[in-house]
Protein backbone atom coordinates (compact mmCIF):
# COMPACT_ATOMS: atom_id res chain seq x y z
CA MET A 1 2.60 -188.15 -122.84
CA THR A 2 4.85 -186.23 -125.21
CA LYS A 3 3.82 -182.61 -125.64
CA ILE A 4 4.28 -181.29 -129.18
CA ALA A 5 4.46 -177.85 -130.78
CA CYS A 6 4.23 -177.32 -134.54
CA VAL A 7 6.01 -174.42 -136.25
CA PHE A 8 5.69 -173.25 -139.85
CA PRO A 9 8.32 -171.63 -142.11
CA GLY A 10 8.26 -168.28 -143.86
CA GLN A 11 9.39 -166.97 -147.23
CA GLY A 12 12.77 -168.26 -148.36
CA SER A 13 11.94 -171.92 -147.67
CA GLN A 14 10.33 -172.45 -151.08
CA LYS A 15 11.85 -174.83 -153.64
CA VAL A 16 10.66 -176.26 -156.93
CA GLY A 17 9.03 -179.65 -156.39
CA MET A 18 7.83 -178.93 -152.85
CA GLY A 19 4.76 -180.99 -152.00
CA LEU A 20 4.86 -183.15 -155.14
CA ASP A 21 5.53 -186.42 -153.30
CA VAL A 22 2.79 -185.54 -150.80
CA LEU A 23 0.15 -185.16 -153.50
CA GLU A 24 1.33 -188.23 -155.41
CA ALA A 25 0.91 -190.36 -152.28
CA ASN A 26 -2.33 -188.63 -151.21
CA PRO A 27 -4.31 -187.59 -154.31
CA GLU A 28 -7.28 -186.67 -152.12
CA LEU A 29 -5.32 -183.54 -151.13
CA ALA A 30 -5.64 -182.19 -154.70
CA SER A 31 -8.64 -180.16 -153.57
CA PHE A 32 -6.33 -177.84 -151.62
CA TYR A 33 -4.38 -177.03 -154.79
CA GLU A 34 -7.61 -176.51 -156.74
CA LYS A 35 -9.05 -174.18 -154.10
CA ALA A 36 -5.79 -172.20 -153.90
CA GLY A 37 -5.64 -171.89 -157.69
CA ASP A 38 -9.23 -170.61 -157.77
CA VAL A 39 -8.52 -167.95 -155.12
CA LEU A 40 -5.21 -166.85 -156.68
CA GLY A 41 -6.27 -167.11 -160.32
CA THR A 42 -2.99 -168.91 -161.09
CA ASP A 43 -1.88 -172.51 -161.57
CA ILE A 44 -0.07 -172.56 -158.23
CA LYS A 45 0.23 -176.36 -158.32
CA THR A 46 2.34 -176.31 -161.50
CA ILE A 47 4.46 -173.42 -160.19
CA CYS A 48 5.16 -175.35 -156.95
CA PHE A 49 5.90 -178.64 -158.68
CA GLU A 50 7.62 -177.54 -161.89
CA GLY A 51 8.67 -173.92 -161.43
CA PRO A 52 10.53 -172.39 -163.10
CA LYS A 53 12.52 -171.35 -160.03
CA GLU A 54 12.47 -167.66 -161.04
CA GLU A 55 8.67 -167.72 -161.05
CA LEU A 56 8.38 -169.57 -157.74
CA MET A 57 10.76 -167.08 -156.11
CA GLN A 58 8.33 -164.22 -156.80
CA THR A 59 6.51 -163.21 -153.61
CA GLN A 60 3.02 -163.64 -155.10
CA HIS A 61 3.83 -167.31 -155.78
CA ALA A 62 6.34 -168.16 -153.03
CA GLN A 63 4.12 -167.13 -150.12
CA PRO A 64 0.93 -169.01 -151.07
CA GLY A 65 3.08 -171.93 -152.28
CA ILE A 66 4.78 -172.27 -148.89
CA PHE A 67 1.43 -171.94 -147.11
CA LEU A 68 -0.12 -174.60 -149.36
CA THR A 69 2.76 -177.05 -148.91
CA SER A 70 2.75 -176.55 -145.14
CA VAL A 71 -1.01 -177.04 -144.96
CA VAL A 72 -1.11 -180.37 -146.84
CA LEU A 73 1.73 -181.72 -144.70
CA TYR A 74 -0.04 -180.53 -141.54
CA GLU A 75 -3.29 -182.19 -142.64
CA LEU A 76 -1.43 -185.53 -142.85
CA PHE A 77 0.33 -184.91 -139.53
CA LYS A 78 -3.05 -184.27 -137.91
CA LYS A 79 -4.58 -187.31 -139.63
CA SER A 80 -1.90 -189.47 -137.98
CA GLY A 81 -3.51 -188.68 -134.63
CA LEU A 82 -0.83 -186.31 -133.35
CA THR A 83 -2.07 -183.03 -131.86
CA PRO A 84 0.05 -180.00 -130.99
CA GLU A 85 -0.24 -178.16 -127.68
CA LEU A 86 1.01 -174.95 -129.30
CA VAL A 87 1.64 -173.60 -132.80
CA ALA A 88 3.80 -170.77 -134.13
CA GLY A 89 5.23 -169.60 -137.43
CA HIS A 90 8.04 -167.38 -138.66
CA SER A 91 6.64 -164.23 -140.33
CA LEU A 92 4.49 -165.64 -143.18
CA GLY A 93 4.43 -168.94 -141.26
CA GLU A 94 2.40 -167.27 -138.52
CA LEU A 95 -0.51 -167.12 -140.99
CA THR A 96 -0.13 -170.88 -141.51
CA ALA A 97 -0.26 -171.32 -137.73
CA TYR A 98 -3.58 -169.44 -137.75
CA TYR A 99 -5.00 -171.99 -140.20
CA ALA A 100 -3.59 -174.93 -138.21
CA ALA A 101 -5.26 -173.54 -135.09
CA GLY A 102 -8.63 -173.26 -136.85
CA VAL A 103 -8.75 -169.46 -136.82
CA TYR A 104 -9.91 -169.14 -140.45
CA SER A 105 -10.73 -171.27 -143.47
CA PHE A 106 -8.14 -172.43 -146.00
CA GLU A 107 -9.58 -170.15 -148.69
CA ASP A 108 -9.49 -167.14 -146.34
CA GLY A 109 -5.88 -168.00 -145.49
CA VAL A 110 -4.89 -168.01 -149.18
CA SER A 111 -6.78 -164.77 -149.78
CA LEU A 112 -5.15 -163.07 -146.77
CA ILE A 113 -1.65 -164.21 -147.80
CA ARG A 114 -2.20 -162.88 -151.31
CA ALA A 115 -3.39 -159.51 -149.94
CA ARG A 116 -0.52 -159.35 -147.43
CA GLY A 117 2.11 -160.10 -150.10
CA ASN A 118 0.66 -157.49 -152.48
CA ALA A 119 0.44 -154.87 -149.73
CA MET A 120 4.03 -155.48 -148.61
CA ALA A 121 5.29 -155.33 -152.21
CA LYS A 122 3.54 -151.98 -152.78
CA ALA A 123 4.66 -150.43 -149.49
CA THR A 124 8.06 -149.29 -150.77
CA PRO A 125 9.24 -148.67 -154.35
CA SER A 126 11.63 -151.30 -155.68
CA GLY A 127 15.28 -150.67 -154.87
CA VAL A 128 14.82 -148.12 -152.07
CA SER A 129 14.75 -150.50 -149.11
CA GLY A 130 16.08 -153.88 -148.14
CA MET A 131 17.21 -156.34 -145.47
CA ALA A 132 20.50 -157.89 -144.40
CA ALA A 133 21.48 -160.67 -142.03
CA VAL A 134 24.07 -159.74 -139.41
CA MET A 135 25.97 -162.83 -138.30
CA GLY A 136 28.10 -163.19 -135.17
CA LEU A 137 26.64 -160.31 -133.15
CA GLU A 138 23.95 -160.24 -130.47
CA LEU A 139 21.24 -157.60 -130.13
CA ASP A 140 23.15 -155.67 -127.45
CA ALA A 141 25.97 -155.12 -129.99
CA ILE A 142 23.60 -154.37 -132.89
CA GLU A 143 21.41 -151.76 -131.20
CA PRO A 144 24.22 -149.19 -130.66
CA VAL A 145 25.08 -149.42 -134.38
CA LEU A 146 21.44 -148.86 -135.34
CA ALA A 147 20.82 -145.99 -132.90
CA PRO A 148 21.94 -143.20 -135.30
CA PHE A 149 19.80 -144.71 -138.09
CA LYS A 150 16.46 -144.98 -136.27
CA GLU A 151 14.93 -142.13 -138.27
CA ALA A 152 16.00 -143.57 -141.65
CA PRO A 153 14.71 -146.04 -140.47
CA VAL A 154 16.90 -149.11 -140.02
CA VAL A 155 15.73 -151.56 -137.35
CA ALA A 156 16.31 -155.08 -136.07
CA ALA A 157 13.57 -157.00 -137.86
CA ASN A 158 14.15 -160.74 -137.34
CA LEU A 159 15.75 -161.95 -134.11
CA ASN A 160 16.30 -165.42 -135.53
CA CYS A 161 18.78 -167.12 -133.20
CA PRO A 162 21.89 -166.23 -131.20
CA GLY A 163 24.36 -164.66 -133.61
CA GLN A 164 21.83 -164.17 -136.42
CA ILE A 165 19.78 -160.99 -136.51
CA VAL A 166 18.24 -159.51 -139.66
CA VAL A 167 18.15 -155.72 -140.01
CA SER A 168 15.67 -153.94 -142.26
CA GLY A 169 15.22 -150.43 -143.59
CA GLU A 170 15.94 -147.68 -146.08
CA LYS A 171 18.60 -148.98 -148.46
CA LYS A 172 21.16 -146.16 -148.39
CA ALA A 173 21.16 -146.00 -144.59
CA LEU A 174 21.12 -149.79 -144.36
CA GLU A 175 24.28 -150.02 -146.45
CA GLU A 176 25.96 -147.39 -144.24
CA THR A 177 25.56 -149.77 -141.28
CA PHE A 178 27.47 -152.60 -142.99
CA PRO A 179 31.04 -151.40 -142.26
CA LEU A 180 30.00 -150.56 -138.70
CA PHE A 181 28.77 -154.10 -138.10
CA LYS A 182 32.01 -155.44 -139.56
CA GLU A 183 34.04 -153.20 -137.24
CA ALA A 184 32.07 -154.63 -134.33
CA GLY A 185 33.09 -158.16 -135.37
CA GLY A 186 30.04 -159.17 -137.39
CA LYS A 187 29.52 -160.48 -140.91
CA VAL A 188 26.84 -158.91 -143.13
CA ILE A 189 24.86 -160.77 -145.79
CA PRO A 190 22.46 -158.63 -147.88
CA LEU A 191 19.24 -160.56 -148.52
CA PRO A 192 17.52 -160.90 -151.92
CA VAL A 193 14.22 -159.31 -150.88
CA SER A 194 12.25 -156.47 -152.41
CA GLY A 195 11.40 -154.48 -149.29
CA ALA A 196 12.12 -153.61 -145.67
CA PHE A 197 9.81 -156.14 -144.09
CA HIS A 198 8.99 -155.99 -140.37
CA SER A 199 10.00 -152.34 -140.21
CA PRO A 200 8.14 -148.99 -140.04
CA LEU A 201 8.51 -148.75 -143.84
CA MET A 202 5.70 -151.34 -143.98
CA ASN A 203 3.23 -148.86 -142.45
CA PRO A 204 1.29 -148.50 -145.75
CA ALA A 205 0.91 -152.30 -145.86
CA SER A 206 -0.25 -152.32 -142.25
CA GLU A 207 -2.93 -149.73 -143.00
CA GLU A 208 -4.12 -151.70 -146.04
CA LEU A 209 -4.34 -154.92 -144.04
CA LYS A 210 -6.57 -153.29 -141.45
CA SER A 211 -9.36 -153.20 -144.03
CA VAL A 212 -8.51 -156.63 -145.48
CA VAL A 213 -8.97 -158.43 -142.15
CA GLU A 214 -12.42 -156.91 -141.70
CA ASP A 215 -13.68 -159.13 -144.54
CA ILE A 216 -12.39 -162.34 -142.89
CA THR A 217 -13.94 -164.26 -140.00
CA PHE A 218 -11.40 -164.90 -137.22
CA SER A 219 -12.47 -167.59 -134.76
CA ASP A 220 -10.85 -168.24 -131.40
CA ALA A 221 -7.83 -170.53 -131.85
CA ALA A 222 -8.39 -174.18 -130.94
CA THR A 223 -4.64 -174.36 -130.23
CA PRO A 224 -2.81 -171.36 -128.66
CA ILE A 225 -0.56 -169.46 -131.09
CA VAL A 226 2.74 -168.00 -129.88
CA LEU A 227 2.89 -164.71 -131.77
CA ASN A 228 6.09 -163.35 -133.36
CA ARG A 229 5.77 -159.83 -132.03
CA LEU A 230 4.81 -160.75 -128.45
CA ALA A 231 6.62 -164.08 -127.91
CA SER A 232 3.55 -165.15 -125.94
CA ALA A 233 0.47 -167.25 -126.66
CA GLU A 234 -2.83 -165.84 -127.91
CA SER A 235 -6.13 -167.62 -128.62
CA LYS A 236 -8.79 -164.90 -128.89
CA GLY A 237 -10.03 -164.35 -132.45
CA GLU A 238 -10.32 -160.57 -132.12
CA ALA A 239 -6.74 -160.25 -130.81
CA LEU A 240 -5.50 -162.49 -133.61
CA LYS A 241 -7.27 -160.30 -136.18
CA THR A 242 -5.70 -157.16 -134.68
CA ASN A 243 -2.28 -158.81 -134.81
CA ILE A 244 -2.18 -159.25 -138.61
CA PRO A 245 -1.66 -155.57 -139.57
CA ILE A 246 0.73 -155.00 -136.64
CA GLN A 247 2.81 -158.08 -137.43
CA VAL A 248 4.19 -156.67 -140.72
CA ILE A 249 5.71 -153.63 -138.96
CA SER A 250 6.92 -155.50 -135.85
CA PRO A 251 10.08 -157.55 -135.29
CA VAL A 252 9.95 -161.33 -135.48
CA ARG A 253 11.05 -162.22 -131.95
CA TRP A 254 11.88 -165.81 -132.85
CA ILE A 255 14.47 -166.40 -130.11
CA GLU A 256 12.00 -165.40 -127.40
CA SER A 257 9.11 -167.20 -129.11
CA ILE A 258 10.95 -170.52 -129.24
CA THR A 259 12.15 -170.03 -125.66
CA GLU A 260 8.50 -169.64 -124.65
CA VAL A 261 7.39 -172.67 -126.71
CA ALA A 262 10.17 -174.84 -125.25
CA LYS A 263 8.93 -174.13 -121.71
CA GLN A 264 5.63 -175.85 -122.51
CA VAL A 265 6.48 -178.80 -124.81
CA ASP A 266 8.92 -181.67 -125.20
CA VAL A 267 9.19 -181.68 -129.00
CA ILE A 268 9.02 -179.03 -131.75
CA VAL A 269 8.04 -180.18 -135.25
CA GLU A 270 8.73 -177.89 -138.21
CA ILE A 271 6.12 -178.54 -140.90
CA GLY A 272 6.64 -177.17 -144.40
CA PRO A 273 9.30 -176.89 -147.09
CA GLY A 274 12.95 -176.75 -145.98
CA LYS A 275 14.41 -177.06 -142.51
CA VAL A 276 15.47 -173.49 -141.75
CA LEU A 277 13.48 -173.26 -138.53
CA SER A 278 14.82 -176.56 -137.17
CA GLY A 279 18.34 -175.18 -137.57
CA LEU A 280 17.44 -171.96 -135.76
CA ILE A 281 15.69 -173.86 -132.96
CA LYS A 282 18.77 -176.01 -132.32
CA LYS A 283 20.83 -172.84 -131.88
CA ILE A 284 18.24 -171.30 -129.55
CA ASN A 285 17.67 -174.41 -127.42
CA PRO A 286 20.03 -177.32 -128.20
CA SER A 287 18.29 -179.59 -125.68
CA ILE A 288 14.79 -179.54 -127.22
CA GLN A 289 13.97 -182.41 -129.58
CA THR A 290 13.18 -181.19 -133.11
CA TYR A 291 11.84 -182.76 -136.29
CA SER A 292 11.68 -181.29 -139.78
CA VAL A 293 8.70 -182.51 -141.82
CA SER A 294 8.99 -181.48 -145.48
CA SER A 295 8.15 -184.71 -147.34
CA ILE A 296 6.25 -187.99 -147.01
CA GLU A 297 9.46 -189.69 -145.92
CA THR A 298 10.23 -187.21 -143.14
CA LEU A 299 6.56 -187.11 -142.10
CA ASN A 300 6.40 -190.90 -141.71
CA ALA A 301 9.69 -190.99 -139.79
CA CYS A 302 8.48 -188.22 -137.42
CA VAL A 303 5.11 -189.88 -136.81
CA GLU A 304 6.76 -193.24 -136.18
CA GLN A 305 9.12 -191.74 -133.63
CA LEU A 306 6.48 -189.71 -131.81
CA LYS A 307 3.89 -192.49 -131.73
CA GLY A 308 6.42 -195.28 -131.11
């Protein structure tokens, strides 16, 4: 029998109109949008479906919107009778994986994502920190460049795939690394984000989240979750609770995480808006079968293939 893993995308995968076809074909899923709107105090459904794009791009809307879209697609995937052996998610997507594994309720997931986004936004003043993707270099070439900037700090934050590593840190020092990466043969792409996520500059957010998670019930995971920071599976509710504050200051070890997932399954299905993770997975492990489920059409095609 085919063994399946489901993975969930993070911020940056959002787009206006995401989830609209899902709700039109399955109006019974409207309750998820209503519950999310009640928790957030915003009309998240309209923002997801109609935008405007500038509003959807804002962290306080993008993160719960991606979570919501991923959840309704996962509910349909599950309803089809397919069950994953493992789940994982990239950064924000890890919190979707928690929901998929039955660790907390949908409402608690929305509440936690709102608190996490707010805490991360407050952690550093606007304009003093940032992130950049370094293309064409591996970690062993990036670490010597970063060594003199550890105290700034500037760190490797997202180890996305071979030849794509995101660095994160204090903006002035971050920009000083750019010509050094270019000299080493890399290409640098500054990212349009408001903070140095997955770096020590998120320590204030981490501290805030320690109290937030105390108000949420974390059950043991029904499906093991391969965690970003460990690249190994965890199922215990208490360990998963402890992970949330640490995750925001730890690197996303996506290459190692997918390598671990691929050892245990035959197929990896990305569920949520966009297909960023499917692209990364193909670069990490070209031999593993992948599907990207972001619409009713792609969901039906995936289910047909996996059940056929």
